[in-house]
């Protein structure tokens, strides 16, 4: 009878040890660097009129202008700028950002509500700075981009806002077209 009581306990110990071994073995050989996103084989969407998507700098500047231009009275959130920038965003990056697109813009709810009430329009213009950046490769270009947001509202004035963002453009597989694959505001 004592053996019968200890058998379930022994089985539980064995199961716990086996689980620990499986978990430990699963971590073997891993490293701390993130796994690169899988390459997409889809044909990139056509570039918007006036944008040469074979020029990664043009792609980054157009994307920054779309991403940081808003119409708060019509746009639900700053994520609307991300949606407008989609034609020149890498499909994998779109999936990675997902519902957190509004997080790329540092705007408080109070500012957004005030702009919406004032029927403000926020128009972005951007330029690539002379800051150092990693060397370009055949598949990746990284730049520091300065974005100036001009806030226009009937009867209200606000100073321009300035955003600095690290951006990366990636050449789309099998093409000479570039898409923005990373935006990181500082």
N, C-alpha and C. Protein backbone atom coordinates (compact mmCIF):
# COMPACT_ATOMS: atom_id res chain seq x y z
N UNK A 1 0.82 -1.19 0.00
CA UNK A 1 0.00 0.00 0.00
C UNK A 1 0.86 1.25 0.00
N UNK A 2 1.96 1.24 0.68
CA UNK A 2 2.85 2.40 0.67
C UNK A 2 3.40 2.61 -0.74
N UNK A 3 3.75 1.52 -1.43
CA UNK A 3 4.25 1.66 -2.80
C UNK A 3 3.20 2.29 -3.71
N UNK A 4 1.95 1.96 -3.51
CA UNK A 4 0.87 2.52 -4.33
C UNK A 4 0.76 4.04 -4.13
N UNK A 5 0.98 4.50 -2.92
CA UNK A 5 0.91 5.94 -2.62
C UNK A 5 2.08 6.67 -3.28
N UNK A 6 3.26 6.05 -3.29
CA UNK A 6 4.45 6.71 -3.83
C UNK A 6 4.53 6.67 -5.36
N UNK A 7 3.87 5.71 -6.00
CA UNK A 7 3.96 5.62 -7.46
C UNK A 7 3.41 6.88 -8.16
N UNK A 8 2.25 7.39 -7.81
CA UNK A 8 1.80 8.61 -8.47
C UNK A 8 2.76 9.78 -8.23
N UNK A 9 3.31 9.84 -7.02
CA UNK A 9 4.25 10.90 -6.72
C UNK A 9 5.52 10.73 -7.57
N UNK A 10 6.00 9.51 -7.71
CA UNK A 10 7.19 9.24 -8.53
C UNK A 10 6.91 9.58 -9.99
N UNK A 11 5.72 9.26 -10.47
CA UNK A 11 5.36 9.58 -11.85
C UNK A 11 5.31 11.10 -12.04
N UNK A 12 4.81 11.81 -11.05
CA UNK A 12 4.76 13.27 -11.13
C UNK A 12 6.16 13.85 -11.16
N UNK A 13 7.07 13.31 -10.33
CA UNK A 13 8.46 13.78 -10.34
C UNK A 13 9.10 13.51 -11.70
N UNK A 14 8.88 12.33 -12.23
CA UNK A 14 9.45 11.97 -13.52
C UNK A 14 8.93 12.89 -14.62
N UNK A 15 7.64 13.20 -14.58
CA UNK A 15 7.05 14.10 -15.58
C UNK A 15 7.63 15.50 -15.45
N UNK A 16 7.83 15.97 -14.22
CA UNK A 16 8.41 17.29 -13.99
C UNK A 16 9.83 17.35 -14.52
N UNK A 17 10.62 16.32 -14.23
CA UNK A 17 12.01 16.28 -14.70
C UNK A 17 12.04 16.23 -16.23
N UNK A 18 11.19 15.41 -16.84
CA UNK A 18 11.15 15.30 -18.29
C UNK A 18 10.78 16.65 -18.92
N UNK A 19 9.82 17.35 -18.33
CA UNK A 19 9.41 18.66 -18.84
C UNK A 19 10.57 19.65 -18.74
N UNK A 20 11.29 19.65 -17.62
CA UNK A 20 12.43 20.55 -17.43
C UNK A 20 13.51 20.27 -18.47
N UNK A 21 13.75 18.99 -18.76
CA UNK A 21 14.77 18.63 -19.75
C UNK A 21 14.35 19.14 -21.14
N UNK A 22 13.08 18.95 -21.48
CA UNK A 22 12.59 19.41 -22.79
C UNK A 22 12.72 20.92 -22.91
N UNK A 23 12.36 21.65 -21.87
CA UNK A 23 12.45 23.12 -21.89
C UNK A 23 13.91 23.55 -22.00
N UNK A 24 14.79 22.93 -21.22
CA UNK A 24 16.21 23.28 -21.26
C UNK A 24 16.81 22.97 -22.62
N UNK A 25 16.46 21.83 -23.18
CA UNK A 25 17.01 21.44 -24.48
C UNK A 25 16.51 22.38 -25.57
N UNK A 26 15.29 22.86 -25.44
CA UNK A 26 14.74 23.78 -26.44
C UNK A 26 15.51 25.08 -26.50
N UNK A 27 16.14 25.48 -25.40
CA UNK A 27 16.91 26.72 -25.38
C UNK A 27 18.34 26.55 -25.83
N UNK A 28 18.81 25.34 -26.01
CA UNK A 28 20.19 25.10 -26.41
C UNK A 28 20.44 25.62 -27.82
N UNK A 29 21.58 26.24 -27.99
CA UNK A 29 21.97 26.69 -29.31
C UNK A 29 21.32 27.99 -29.72
N UNK A 30 20.51 28.58 -28.88
CA UNK A 30 19.88 29.85 -29.26
C UNK A 30 20.82 31.00 -28.94
N UNK A 31 20.52 32.15 -29.46
CA UNK A 31 21.30 33.35 -29.20
C UNK A 31 20.33 34.48 -28.91
N UNK A 32 20.87 35.59 -28.46
CA UNK A 32 20.02 36.70 -28.04
C UNK A 32 19.59 37.59 -29.19
N UNK A 33 20.16 37.44 -30.37
CA UNK A 33 19.77 38.29 -31.48
C UNK A 33 18.43 37.85 -32.04
N UNK A 34 17.59 38.81 -32.43
CA UNK A 34 16.28 38.44 -32.97
C UNK A 34 16.43 37.71 -34.30
N UNK A 35 15.48 36.85 -34.55
CA UNK A 35 15.45 36.14 -35.82
C UNK A 35 15.00 37.11 -36.90
N UNK A 36 15.72 37.19 -38.01
CA UNK A 36 15.28 38.12 -39.05
C UNK A 36 13.93 37.70 -39.60
N UNK A 37 13.11 38.68 -40.01
CA UNK A 37 11.81 38.34 -40.56
C UNK A 37 11.97 37.55 -41.85
N UNK A 38 11.02 36.69 -42.14
CA UNK A 38 11.12 35.92 -43.37
C UNK A 38 11.01 36.83 -44.59
N UNK A 39 11.73 36.48 -45.62
CA UNK A 39 11.67 37.26 -46.85
C UNK A 39 10.31 37.06 -47.51
N UNK A 40 9.79 38.12 -48.07
CA UNK A 40 8.51 38.00 -48.76
C UNK A 40 8.77 37.85 -50.25
N UNK A 41 7.96 37.07 -50.89
CA UNK A 41 8.14 36.88 -52.33
C UNK A 41 7.06 37.60 -53.13
N UNK A 42 6.17 38.29 -52.44
CA UNK A 42 5.09 39.00 -53.12
C UNK A 42 5.66 40.18 -53.91
N UNK A 43 5.06 40.46 -55.03
CA UNK A 43 5.45 41.61 -55.83
C UNK A 43 5.02 42.87 -55.07
N UNK A 44 5.94 43.84 -54.92
CA UNK A 44 5.56 45.06 -54.20
C UNK A 44 4.41 45.78 -54.90
N UNK A 45 3.61 46.48 -54.11
CA UNK A 45 2.53 47.27 -54.69
C UNK A 45 3.15 48.40 -55.50
N UNK A 46 2.41 48.94 -56.46
CA UNK A 46 2.98 50.02 -57.28
C UNK A 46 3.29 51.25 -56.43
N UNK A 47 4.32 51.96 -56.83
CA UNK A 47 4.70 53.18 -56.12
C UNK A 47 3.68 54.27 -56.42
N UNK A 48 3.44 55.15 -55.44
CA UNK A 48 2.55 56.29 -55.68
C UNK A 48 3.13 57.19 -56.79
N UNK A 49 2.27 57.92 -57.44
CA UNK A 49 2.69 58.83 -58.51
C UNK A 49 3.76 59.79 -57.99
N UNK A 50 4.78 59.98 -58.79
CA UNK A 50 5.83 60.93 -58.44
C UNK A 50 6.92 60.37 -57.55
N UNK A 51 6.84 59.10 -57.16
CA UNK A 51 7.86 58.50 -56.30
C UNK A 51 8.59 57.42 -57.09
N UNK A 52 9.90 57.53 -57.14
CA UNK A 52 10.72 56.51 -57.78
C UNK A 52 11.10 55.49 -56.71
N UNK A 53 10.42 54.35 -56.70
CA UNK A 53 10.68 53.37 -55.64
C UNK A 53 11.96 52.56 -55.89
N UNK A 54 12.73 52.95 -56.90
CA UNK A 54 14.07 52.38 -57.08
C UNK A 54 15.10 53.21 -56.32
N UNK A 55 14.66 54.32 -55.71
CA UNK A 55 15.51 55.21 -54.93
C UNK A 55 15.11 55.10 -53.46
N UNK A 56 15.93 54.42 -52.63
CA UNK A 56 15.52 54.21 -51.24
C UNK A 56 15.32 55.50 -50.46
N UNK A 57 16.08 56.56 -50.79
CA UNK A 57 15.89 57.82 -50.08
C UNK A 57 14.51 58.41 -50.37
N UNK A 58 14.09 58.39 -51.64
CA UNK A 58 12.74 58.88 -51.98
C UNK A 58 11.67 58.06 -51.25
N UNK A 59 11.88 56.77 -51.19
CA UNK A 59 10.91 55.88 -50.52
C UNK A 59 10.79 56.26 -49.04
N UNK A 60 11.93 56.48 -48.38
CA UNK A 60 11.90 56.83 -46.95
C UNK A 60 11.24 58.19 -46.73
N UNK A 61 11.58 59.18 -47.56
CA UNK A 61 11.01 60.52 -47.37
C UNK A 61 9.50 60.53 -47.61
N UNK A 62 9.04 59.89 -48.68
CA UNK A 62 7.60 59.84 -48.94
C UNK A 62 6.88 59.15 -47.79
N UNK A 63 7.46 58.05 -47.32
CA UNK A 63 6.83 57.30 -46.22
C UNK A 63 6.76 58.16 -44.96
N UNK A 64 7.84 58.85 -44.62
CA UNK A 64 7.84 59.71 -43.43
C UNK A 64 6.78 60.80 -43.56
N UNK A 65 6.66 61.40 -44.74
CA UNK A 65 5.65 62.45 -44.93
C UNK A 65 4.24 61.91 -44.74
N UNK A 66 3.96 60.73 -45.25
CA UNK A 66 2.63 60.13 -45.09
C UNK A 66 2.38 59.75 -43.63
N UNK A 67 3.37 59.11 -43.03
CA UNK A 67 3.23 58.60 -41.67
C UNK A 67 2.94 59.71 -40.66
N UNK A 68 3.56 60.87 -40.86
CA UNK A 68 3.44 61.94 -39.87
C UNK A 68 2.53 63.09 -40.32
N UNK A 69 1.74 62.90 -41.36
CA UNK A 69 0.72 63.87 -41.76
C UNK A 69 -0.64 63.33 -41.33
N UNK A 70 -1.43 64.17 -40.64
CA UNK A 70 -2.70 63.71 -40.08
C UNK A 70 -3.81 64.74 -40.28
N UNK A 71 -5.03 64.23 -40.21
CA UNK A 71 -6.24 65.05 -40.20
C UNK A 71 -7.08 64.57 -39.01
N UNK A 72 -6.76 65.04 -37.80
CA UNK A 72 -7.41 64.50 -36.60
C UNK A 72 -8.93 64.57 -36.60
N UNK A 73 -9.53 65.51 -37.32
CA UNK A 73 -10.99 65.56 -37.36
C UNK A 73 -11.56 64.38 -38.15
N UNK A 74 -10.78 63.83 -39.08
CA UNK A 74 -11.23 62.67 -39.87
C UNK A 74 -10.53 61.37 -39.46
N UNK A 75 -9.27 61.46 -39.06
CA UNK A 75 -8.49 60.27 -38.70
C UNK A 75 -8.81 59.84 -37.27
N UNK A 76 -9.03 58.55 -37.08
CA UNK A 76 -9.32 58.03 -35.74
C UNK A 76 -8.11 58.16 -34.82
N UNK A 77 -6.92 58.02 -35.38
CA UNK A 77 -5.69 58.12 -34.59
C UNK A 77 -4.53 58.37 -35.55
N UNK A 78 -3.34 58.51 -34.98
CA UNK A 78 -2.15 58.70 -35.80
C UNK A 78 -1.85 57.48 -36.67
N UNK A 79 -2.45 56.35 -36.36
CA UNK A 79 -2.26 55.14 -37.18
C UNK A 79 -2.77 55.35 -38.60
N UNK A 80 -3.63 56.33 -38.82
CA UNK A 80 -4.12 56.61 -40.18
C UNK A 80 -2.97 57.01 -41.09
N UNK A 81 -1.97 57.70 -40.55
CA UNK A 81 -0.80 58.05 -41.35
C UNK A 81 -0.05 56.80 -41.78
N UNK A 82 0.04 55.82 -40.89
CA UNK A 82 0.68 54.54 -41.21
C UNK A 82 -0.08 53.87 -42.35
N UNK A 83 -1.40 53.91 -42.26
CA UNK A 83 -2.21 53.30 -43.32
C UNK A 83 -1.97 53.97 -44.67
N UNK A 84 -1.84 55.29 -44.67
CA UNK A 84 -1.58 56.01 -45.92
C UNK A 84 -0.17 55.70 -46.47
N UNK A 85 0.74 55.34 -45.58
CA UNK A 85 2.12 55.03 -46.00
C UNK A 85 2.29 53.60 -46.51
N UNK A 86 1.27 52.76 -46.35
CA UNK A 86 1.38 51.33 -46.70
C UNK A 86 1.94 51.02 -48.09
N UNK A 87 1.64 51.81 -49.13
CA UNK A 87 2.17 51.44 -50.45
C UNK A 87 3.69 51.29 -50.49
N UNK A 88 4.42 52.01 -49.62
CA UNK A 88 5.87 51.92 -49.63
C UNK A 88 6.43 51.31 -48.34
N UNK A 89 5.59 50.56 -47.62
CA UNK A 89 6.05 49.83 -46.44
C UNK A 89 6.25 48.37 -46.81
N UNK A 90 7.30 47.78 -46.26
CA UNK A 90 7.57 46.36 -46.47
C UNK A 90 6.43 45.54 -45.85
N UNK A 91 5.88 44.57 -46.56
CA UNK A 91 4.76 43.78 -46.02
C UNK A 91 5.08 43.11 -44.69
N UNK A 92 6.31 42.65 -44.51
CA UNK A 92 6.68 42.02 -43.24
C UNK A 92 6.65 43.05 -42.12
N UNK A 93 7.11 44.27 -42.41
CA UNK A 93 7.09 45.33 -41.40
C UNK A 93 5.65 45.69 -41.02
N UNK A 94 4.77 45.73 -41.99
CA UNK A 94 3.36 46.00 -41.70
C UNK A 94 2.82 44.97 -40.72
N UNK A 95 3.14 43.70 -40.94
CA UNK A 95 2.69 42.63 -40.03
C UNK A 95 3.31 42.79 -38.65
N UNK A 96 4.59 43.15 -38.59
CA UNK A 96 5.26 43.30 -37.30
C UNK A 96 4.65 44.44 -36.48
N UNK A 97 4.35 45.55 -37.13
CA UNK A 97 3.81 46.71 -36.42
C UNK A 97 2.37 46.45 -36.00
N UNK A 98 1.58 45.90 -36.89
CA UNK A 98 0.20 45.55 -36.58
C UNK A 98 -0.58 46.70 -35.99
N UNK A 99 -1.26 46.43 -34.89
CA UNK A 99 -2.14 47.42 -34.26
C UNK A 99 -1.38 48.49 -33.49
N UNK A 100 -0.06 48.39 -33.40
CA UNK A 100 0.69 49.37 -32.62
C UNK A 100 1.19 50.54 -33.47
N UNK A 101 0.67 50.72 -34.66
CA UNK A 101 1.13 51.77 -35.57
C UNK A 101 1.04 53.17 -34.95
N UNK A 102 0.02 53.43 -34.16
CA UNK A 102 -0.13 54.76 -33.55
C UNK A 102 1.04 55.05 -32.62
N UNK A 103 1.72 54.01 -32.13
CA UNK A 103 2.86 54.19 -31.23
C UNK A 103 4.08 54.80 -31.91
N UNK A 104 4.09 54.84 -33.23
CA UNK A 104 5.21 55.47 -33.94
C UNK A 104 5.15 56.99 -33.83
N UNK A 105 4.02 57.52 -33.39
CA UNK A 105 3.85 58.97 -33.23
C UNK A 105 3.67 59.27 -31.75
N UNK A 106 4.41 60.24 -31.29
CA UNK A 106 4.28 60.61 -29.88
C UNK A 106 3.28 61.76 -29.76
N UNK A 107 2.02 61.37 -29.67
CA UNK A 107 0.93 62.35 -29.58
C UNK A 107 0.04 61.94 -28.42
N UNK A 108 -0.24 62.88 -27.54
CA UNK A 108 -1.14 62.58 -26.42
C UNK A 108 -2.58 62.59 -26.91
N UNK A 109 -3.43 61.92 -26.18
CA UNK A 109 -4.85 61.93 -26.49
C UNK A 109 -5.43 63.34 -26.41
N UNK A 110 -4.92 64.13 -25.46
CA UNK A 110 -5.40 65.50 -25.30
C UNK A 110 -5.04 66.35 -26.53
N UNK A 111 -3.82 66.20 -27.03
CA UNK A 111 -3.43 66.95 -28.23
C UNK A 111 -4.28 66.54 -29.42
N UNK A 112 -4.48 65.22 -29.58
CA UNK A 112 -5.28 64.73 -30.71
C UNK A 112 -6.70 65.29 -30.63
N UNK A 113 -7.29 65.26 -29.44
CA UNK A 113 -8.66 65.76 -29.26
C UNK A 113 -8.73 67.27 -29.56
N UNK A 114 -7.73 68.03 -29.11
CA UNK A 114 -7.70 69.47 -29.37
C UNK A 114 -7.59 69.73 -30.87
N UNK A 115 -6.69 68.99 -31.54
CA UNK A 115 -6.54 69.17 -32.99
C UNK A 115 -7.83 68.82 -33.72
N UNK A 116 -8.48 67.76 -33.28
CA UNK A 116 -9.75 67.36 -33.91
C UNK A 116 -10.80 68.46 -33.72
N UNK A 117 -10.90 68.99 -32.50
CA UNK A 117 -11.88 70.05 -32.21
C UNK A 117 -11.57 71.32 -33.01
N UNK A 118 -10.28 71.60 -33.21
CA UNK A 118 -9.87 72.79 -33.97
C UNK A 118 -9.88 72.57 -35.48
N UNK A 119 -10.23 71.34 -35.91
CA UNK A 119 -10.19 70.97 -37.33
C UNK A 119 -8.79 71.22 -37.92
N UNK A 120 -7.78 70.86 -37.14
CA UNK A 120 -6.39 71.07 -37.55
C UNK A 120 -5.95 70.05 -38.60
N UNK A 121 -4.99 70.46 -39.38
CA UNK A 121 -4.32 69.57 -40.33
C UNK A 121 -2.85 69.59 -39.97
N UNK A 122 -2.26 68.43 -39.84
CA UNK A 122 -0.83 68.32 -39.54
C UNK A 122 -0.15 67.82 -40.82
N UNK A 123 0.73 68.64 -41.37
CA UNK A 123 1.40 68.31 -42.62
C UNK A 123 2.88 68.12 -42.35
N UNK A 124 3.39 66.96 -42.74
CA UNK A 124 4.80 66.64 -42.50
C UNK A 124 5.64 66.91 -43.74
N UNK A 125 6.84 67.39 -43.49
CA UNK A 125 7.87 67.46 -44.53
C UNK A 125 9.12 66.85 -43.92
N UNK A 126 9.90 66.16 -44.71
CA UNK A 126 11.04 65.45 -44.15
C UNK A 126 12.29 65.65 -44.99
N UNK A 127 13.41 65.41 -44.35
CA UNK A 127 14.70 65.48 -45.02
C UNK A 127 15.63 64.46 -44.37
N UNK A 128 16.54 63.95 -45.17
CA UNK A 128 17.55 63.04 -44.65
C UNK A 128 18.67 63.89 -44.09
N UNK A 129 19.07 63.59 -42.86
CA UNK A 129 20.11 64.38 -42.21
C UNK A 129 21.49 63.89 -42.64
N UNK A 130 22.50 64.63 -42.24
CA UNK A 130 23.88 64.24 -42.53
C UNK A 130 24.47 63.33 -41.47
N UNK A 131 23.63 62.87 -40.53
CA UNK A 131 24.14 62.00 -39.46
C UNK A 131 24.75 60.73 -40.03
N UNK A 132 25.71 60.19 -39.28
CA UNK A 132 26.32 58.92 -39.68
C UNK A 132 25.27 57.82 -39.70
N UNK A 133 25.49 56.86 -40.57
CA UNK A 133 24.59 55.71 -40.66
C UNK A 133 25.42 54.53 -41.13
N UNK A 134 24.92 53.32 -40.91
CA UNK A 134 25.66 52.15 -41.40
C UNK A 134 25.85 52.22 -42.91
N UNK A 135 26.89 51.56 -43.38
CA UNK A 135 27.16 51.53 -44.82
C UNK A 135 25.99 50.89 -45.57
N UNK A 136 25.68 51.46 -46.73
CA UNK A 136 24.63 50.89 -47.57
C UNK A 136 25.08 49.55 -48.12
N UNK A 137 24.13 48.67 -48.32
CA UNK A 137 24.39 47.40 -48.98
C UNK A 137 23.45 47.32 -50.18
N UNK A 138 23.56 46.27 -50.94
CA UNK A 138 22.69 46.09 -52.09
C UNK A 138 21.25 45.84 -51.71
N UNK A 139 21.01 45.53 -50.43
CA UNK A 139 19.65 45.21 -50.01
C UNK A 139 19.15 46.05 -48.84
N UNK A 140 19.99 46.94 -48.30
CA UNK A 140 19.56 47.69 -47.13
C UNK A 140 20.21 49.08 -47.11
N UNK A 141 19.38 50.10 -46.85
CA UNK A 141 19.84 51.47 -46.66
C UNK A 141 19.23 51.97 -45.36
N UNK A 142 20.06 52.59 -44.50
CA UNK A 142 19.56 53.15 -43.24
C UNK A 142 19.90 54.64 -43.21
N UNK A 143 18.95 55.42 -42.70
CA UNK A 143 19.15 56.86 -42.64
C UNK A 143 18.51 57.42 -41.36
N UNK A 144 18.99 58.62 -40.98
CA UNK A 144 18.34 59.40 -39.94
C UNK A 144 17.51 60.45 -40.68
N UNK A 145 16.22 60.49 -40.37
CA UNK A 145 15.30 61.39 -41.07
C UNK A 145 14.72 62.39 -40.07
N UNK A 146 14.78 63.66 -40.45
CA UNK A 146 14.16 64.72 -39.64
C UNK A 146 12.82 65.06 -40.26
N UNK A 147 11.78 65.00 -39.44
CA UNK A 147 10.42 65.28 -39.91
C UNK A 147 9.93 66.54 -39.19
N UNK A 148 9.45 67.51 -39.96
CA UNK A 148 8.85 68.71 -39.39
C UNK A 148 7.35 68.63 -39.64
N UNK A 149 6.58 68.78 -38.57
CA UNK A 149 5.12 68.76 -38.69
C UNK A 149 4.58 70.17 -38.50
N UNK A 150 3.92 70.69 -39.52
CA UNK A 150 3.30 72.01 -39.45
C UNK A 150 1.83 71.82 -39.09
N UNK A 151 1.40 72.47 -38.03
CA UNK A 151 0.02 72.33 -37.55
C UNK A 151 -0.75 73.56 -38.01
N UNK A 152 -1.77 73.32 -38.83
CA UNK A 152 -2.60 74.41 -39.36
C UNK A 152 -4.02 74.21 -38.87
N UNK A 153 -4.55 75.24 -38.22
CA UNK A 153 -5.93 75.19 -37.73
C UNK A 153 -6.53 76.58 -37.84
N UNK A 154 -7.79 76.66 -38.28
CA UNK A 154 -8.45 77.97 -38.37
C UNK A 154 -8.48 78.63 -36.98
N UNK A 155 -7.91 79.83 -36.89
CA UNK A 155 -7.97 80.60 -35.66
C UNK A 155 -7.06 80.10 -34.54
N UNK A 156 -6.19 79.16 -34.80
CA UNK A 156 -5.28 78.66 -33.76
C UNK A 156 -3.87 78.59 -34.32
N UNK A 157 -2.91 78.83 -33.46
CA UNK A 157 -1.51 78.70 -33.89
C UNK A 157 -0.78 77.81 -32.91
N UNK A 158 0.09 77.02 -33.45
CA UNK A 158 0.93 76.14 -32.66
C UNK A 158 2.29 76.08 -33.32
N UNK A 159 3.34 75.95 -32.53
CA UNK A 159 4.66 75.82 -33.16
C UNK A 159 4.79 74.48 -33.90
N UNK A 160 5.66 74.48 -34.88
CA UNK A 160 5.93 73.23 -35.60
C UNK A 160 6.49 72.20 -34.62
N UNK A 161 6.23 70.95 -34.92
CA UNK A 161 6.78 69.84 -34.14
C UNK A 161 7.90 69.21 -34.95
N UNK A 162 8.91 68.70 -34.25
CA UNK A 162 10.03 68.06 -34.92
C UNK A 162 10.18 66.64 -34.40
N UNK A 163 10.34 65.70 -35.32
CA UNK A 163 10.53 64.29 -34.99
C UNK A 163 11.79 63.83 -35.71
N UNK A 164 12.63 63.09 -35.00
CA UNK A 164 13.79 62.45 -35.62
C UNK A 164 13.51 60.95 -35.61
N UNK A 165 13.72 60.31 -36.74
CA UNK A 165 13.46 58.86 -36.82
C UNK A 165 14.60 58.17 -37.54
N UNK A 166 14.95 57.01 -37.03
CA UNK A 166 15.86 56.12 -37.76
C UNK A 166 14.98 55.33 -38.71
N UNK A 167 15.38 55.26 -39.96
CA UNK A 167 14.57 54.52 -40.93
C UNK A 167 15.48 53.60 -41.74
N UNK A 168 14.90 52.49 -42.14
CA UNK A 168 15.62 51.55 -42.99
C UNK A 168 14.73 51.18 -44.16
N UNK A 169 15.33 51.12 -45.34
CA UNK A 169 14.63 50.65 -46.53
C UNK A 169 15.31 49.36 -46.98
N UNK A 170 14.49 48.41 -47.40
CA UNK A 170 15.00 47.11 -47.87
C UNK A 170 14.59 46.91 -49.32
N UNK A 171 15.54 46.40 -50.10
CA UNK A 171 15.22 46.06 -51.50
C UNK A 171 14.32 44.84 -51.46
N UNK A 172 13.25 44.89 -52.22
CA UNK A 172 12.31 43.78 -52.26
C UNK A 172 12.90 42.64 -53.08
N UNK A 173 12.76 41.41 -52.60
CA UNK A 173 13.39 40.26 -53.26
C UNK A 173 13.04 40.17 -54.74
N UNK A 174 14.07 40.00 -55.56
CA UNK A 174 13.87 39.80 -56.99
C UNK A 174 13.47 41.04 -57.76
N UNK A 175 13.58 42.22 -57.14
CA UNK A 175 13.19 43.46 -57.81
C UNK A 175 14.25 44.53 -57.57
N UNK A 176 14.07 45.68 -58.19
CA UNK A 176 14.91 46.83 -57.89
C UNK A 176 14.12 47.87 -57.10
N UNK A 177 13.03 47.42 -56.47
CA UNK A 177 12.14 48.31 -55.71
C UNK A 177 12.48 48.24 -54.22
N UNK A 178 12.33 49.39 -53.56
CA UNK A 178 12.64 49.50 -52.13
C UNK A 178 11.37 49.78 -51.36
N UNK A 179 11.31 49.26 -50.13
CA UNK A 179 10.20 49.53 -49.22
C UNK A 179 10.78 49.78 -47.83
N UNK A 180 10.12 50.63 -47.05
CA UNK A 180 10.57 50.91 -45.69
C UNK A 180 10.32 49.69 -44.83
N UNK A 181 11.37 49.24 -44.16
CA UNK A 181 11.28 48.03 -43.35
C UNK A 181 11.49 48.29 -41.86
N UNK A 182 11.74 49.56 -41.49
CA UNK A 182 11.88 49.90 -40.07
C UNK A 182 11.77 51.41 -39.91
N UNK A 183 11.00 51.81 -38.90
CA UNK A 183 10.89 53.22 -38.51
C UNK A 183 11.01 53.24 -37.00
N UNK A 184 11.98 53.99 -36.50
CA UNK A 184 12.18 54.06 -35.06
C UNK A 184 12.36 55.51 -34.65
N UNK A 185 11.28 56.15 -34.17
CA UNK A 185 11.41 57.55 -33.73
C UNK A 185 12.27 57.62 -32.47
N UNK A 186 13.09 58.66 -32.38
CA UNK A 186 13.88 58.82 -31.16
C UNK A 186 13.12 59.71 -30.20
